Amino acid sequence: MNKNLSKMTKVLLVGATLFSAPVFAEMTVGGVKFGDSIEIDGMGLALNGAGVRHKLFLEVYAAGMYLPEATSNQQVALSVRPALIRLVITSKLVNQARIAEAIDEGLTSGIGKDNIDAQTANDIQTLRGLFPSSISKGSVLDFYVGADESLTIRLDGQELGRFSNPKMGLGTLRSWIGDNPVEAKLKSGLLGN
C-alpha cells in the first residue's frame, strides 16, 4: 500500500509540474518577441500579455505587460505592484511630438480630467519633454510602476525620469488597461485575453 501511495504521489507531482508552466509563455506580436519573464530592480516579473497598438491602420508599437503573477482580471492588474509596460517601437513615424500627444491623451484619460491637479499637470508636462526628438524603430520604452507607486520611464535601458506622484503610475496603467484604454484590442492582449 505504501509503495502504491509513493507511485501515486510521483505521478501527481509529475502531472503538477507539467501543468504548472506559466499561463503566458513568451509571445511574439507585431514581429516583437516578449520573453515570459524579466527581472527589473531585482524582482522577477511574468509576462501577463502582449498586443499591438494601431493608429490609422499602421502598427505603431508592440506592447507587453509584466506583473508579479499573470492575471486576466483588470482590477487586479491595475492594483498589483510592481508593474511594467514595455513598448517596442515598430514604426519609423514615431517621434517626440507624437509621443507627447499620446501622453496627453493617455494620461488625461487614465487619470481623469477632473483629477489632474497642479502637481499632476506639471508632471505630465515634464514627462512630455523627457523624450528625445527622434526615436528609432526598435527602441524600447519601459513604463515601470514601483511598489511605492512611483513611475519610472526608461528608453533603451536608460532612465529618462521618475515621478513619485502616484497618479502618474496608476494613470499610465489605466491608459492601456483602464476603462477607456488607448485601444480596446491592445488592452485585451495585455490582459492575456
Foldseek 3Di string as FASTA:
>chain_A
DVVVVVVVVVVVVVVCVVPVPAPDAWDAEPNDIDGQWDADPRAIWGWQFKYFDDDPNDTFWIKIKTANHHALDLVCQLPGPWIKIKIQGADQPDFLVVVLVLLVVQLCVLLPVVRQDPVNVVVSVVVSPQDDGGDGHGKMWMWIQHPLLKTWIDINRHTSDIGNPNSSSSSNSCCCQNPPHPDPVRNSRNSVD
